[in-house]
Amino acid sequence: MFEIMPETNERVLAIKNSGLVTSADYEATMPELQQRFEALGGLRAYLDWQDLEGWDPAGESDAFMFRNYARGKFERIAIVGPEKWADEARQMAEHMNAKIRLFRPDQQDEAWAWVNEA
């Protein structure tokens, strides 16, 4: 599931991912993401993966397509979640050509500060 968090601002898109991410989650979120990409250059993201279980097969396929679509469109992505997502974060960084850092759940303030740095 995707939930756009109230901390979202003009520059940083804050999203909470929880449970098992599906293709329907991408379909519901893509219009807003596309609008933001068109309106802004150098978008940043704060992703809360603390309650993320993973992606179902169709959701994984959509995640791959989204990474292709978003390649070069993000300046920075801060991911807050457990260490088990380190490989996923590394793969995202390589594929999306963005600065991505994984922060432990107790580092939420540091993650927010890093993604908002000038």
Protein backbone atom coordinates (compact mmCIF):
# COMPACT_ATOMS: atom_id res chain seq x y z
CA MET A 1 0.00 0.00 0.00
CA PHE A 2 1.11 3.57 -0.74
CA GLU A 3 0.05 6.44 1.46
CA ILE A 4 1.11 9.99 0.65
CA MET A 5 2.15 11.43 3.99
CA PRO A 6 1.14 14.91 5.22
CA GLU A 7 4.83 15.89 5.37
CA THR A 8 4.85 16.06 1.56
CA ASN A 9 5.84 19.51 0.35
CA GLU A 10 6.72 21.24 -2.92
CA ARG A 11 10.10 19.54 -3.11
CA VAL A 12 9.79 16.28 -1.16
CA LEU A 13 7.26 13.57 -1.78
CA ALA A 14 6.77 11.60 1.45
CA ILE A 15 5.27 8.13 1.03
CA LYS A 16 4.55 5.40 3.54
CA ASN A 17 4.73 1.91 2.05
CA SER A 18 3.16 -0.83 4.13
CA GLY A 19 2.07 -4.38 3.72
CA LEU A 20 2.40 -5.98 0.32
CA VAL A 21 2.67 -3.47 -2.54
CA THR A 22 0.49 -4.36 -5.54
CA SER A 23 -0.02 -3.18 -9.09
CA ALA A 24 -3.18 -1.38 -7.94
CA ASP A 25 -1.03 0.70 -5.57
CA TYR A 26 1.07 1.93 -8.47
CA GLU A 27 -2.01 2.64 -10.59
CA ALA A 28 -3.52 4.75 -7.82
CA THR A 29 -0.32 6.73 -7.14
CA MET A 30 1.14 7.25 -10.63
CA PRO A 31 -1.07 10.19 -11.70
CA GLU A 32 0.15 12.30 -8.78
CA LEU A 33 3.76 11.25 -9.31
CA GLN A 34 3.60 12.09 -13.01
CA GLN A 35 2.08 15.48 -12.21
CA ARG A 36 4.88 16.23 -9.76
CA PHE A 37 7.57 15.13 -12.23
CA GLU A 38 6.16 17.47 -14.86
CA ALA A 39 5.82 20.41 -12.46
CA LEU A 40 9.15 20.08 -10.69
CA GLY A 41 12.69 19.24 -11.59
CA GLY A 42 14.84 17.38 -9.15
CA LEU A 43 12.15 15.82 -7.01
CA ARG A 44 13.13 14.21 -3.71
CA ALA A 45 11.43 11.42 -1.80
CA TYR A 46 11.13 10.28 1.78
CA LEU A 47 10.01 6.66 1.89
CA ASP A 48 8.82 5.06 5.11
CA TRP A 49 9.37 1.31 4.73
CA GLN A 50 9.06 0.41 8.39
CA ASP A 51 5.89 -1.63 7.82
CA LEU A 52 6.68 -2.80 4.29
CA GLU A 53 6.40 -6.54 3.67
CA GLY A 54 7.45 -6.42 0.02
CA TRP A 55 5.92 -6.53 -3.44
CA ASP A 56 3.63 -9.07 -5.01
CA PRO A 57 4.75 -10.28 -8.50
CA ALA A 58 2.70 -7.67 -10.39
CA GLY A 59 3.79 -4.96 -7.95
CA GLU A 60 7.43 -5.95 -8.47
CA SER A 61 6.97 -5.64 -12.22
CA ASP A 62 5.40 -2.19 -11.78
CA ALA A 63 8.23 -1.18 -9.45
CA PHE A 64 10.71 -2.03 -12.19
CA MET A 65 8.76 -0.04 -14.79
CA PHE A 66 8.47 2.90 -12.38
CA ARG A 67 12.23 2.89 -11.80
CA ASN A 68 12.76 3.08 -15.55
CA TYR A 69 10.24 5.92 -15.83
CA ALA A 70 11.75 7.81 -12.87
CA ARG A 71 15.40 7.33 -13.85
CA GLY A 72 17.17 10.65 -13.35
CA LYS A 73 14.05 12.40 -12.02
CA PHE A 74 14.91 12.12 -8.32
CA GLU A 75 17.82 13.97 -6.74
CA ARG A 76 17.63 12.17 -3.40
CA ILE A 77 15.62 9.42 -1.79
CA ALA A 78 15.70 8.77 1.94
CA ILE A 79 14.37 5.36 2.94
CA VAL A 80 13.49 4.71 6.58
CA GLY A 81 13.26 1.04 7.39
CA PRO A 82 14.97 -2.06 8.67
CA GLU A 83 18.33 -3.28 7.38
CA LYS A 84 16.60 -6.01 5.36
CA TRP A 85 15.88 -3.35 2.70
CA ALA A 86 19.55 -2.40 2.18
CA ASP A 87 19.90 -4.46 -1.03
CA GLU A 88 16.66 -3.03 -2.42
CA ALA A 89 17.87 0.52 -1.65
CA ARG A 90 21.23 -0.17 -3.35
CA GLN A 91 19.50 -1.54 -6.45
CA MET A 92 17.21 1.49 -6.58
CA ALA A 93 20.18 3.85 -6.38
CA GLU A 94 21.96 2.09 -9.24
CA HIS A 95 18.89 1.87 -11.45
CA MET A 96 17.42 5.31 -10.79
CA ASN A 97 20.69 7.25 -10.84
CA ALA A 98 19.82 9.00 -7.58
CA LYS A 99 21.41 9.52 -4.21
CA ILE A 100 19.66 7.06 -1.94
CA ARG A 101 20.30 6.40 1.74
CA LEU A 102 18.74 3.86 4.04
CA PHE A 103 18.09 5.10 7.58
CA ARG A 104 17.19 2.98 10.59
CA PRO A 105 13.72 3.52 12.08
CA ASP A 106 15.26 5.50 14.95
CA GLN A 107 16.82 7.93 12.43
CA GLN A 108 13.64 9.48 10.99
CA ASP A 109 14.71 13.03 11.87
CA GLU A 110 18.11 12.52 10.25
CA ALA A 111 16.45 11.09 7.13
CA TRP A 112 14.13 14.07 6.84
CA ALA A 113 17.03 16.52 7.33
CA TRP A 114 19.16 14.73 4.69
CA VAL A 115 16.42 14.63 2.05
CA ASN A 116 15.74 18.35 2.63
CA GLU A 117 19.38 19.51 2.48
CA ALA A 118 20.07 22.30 0.04
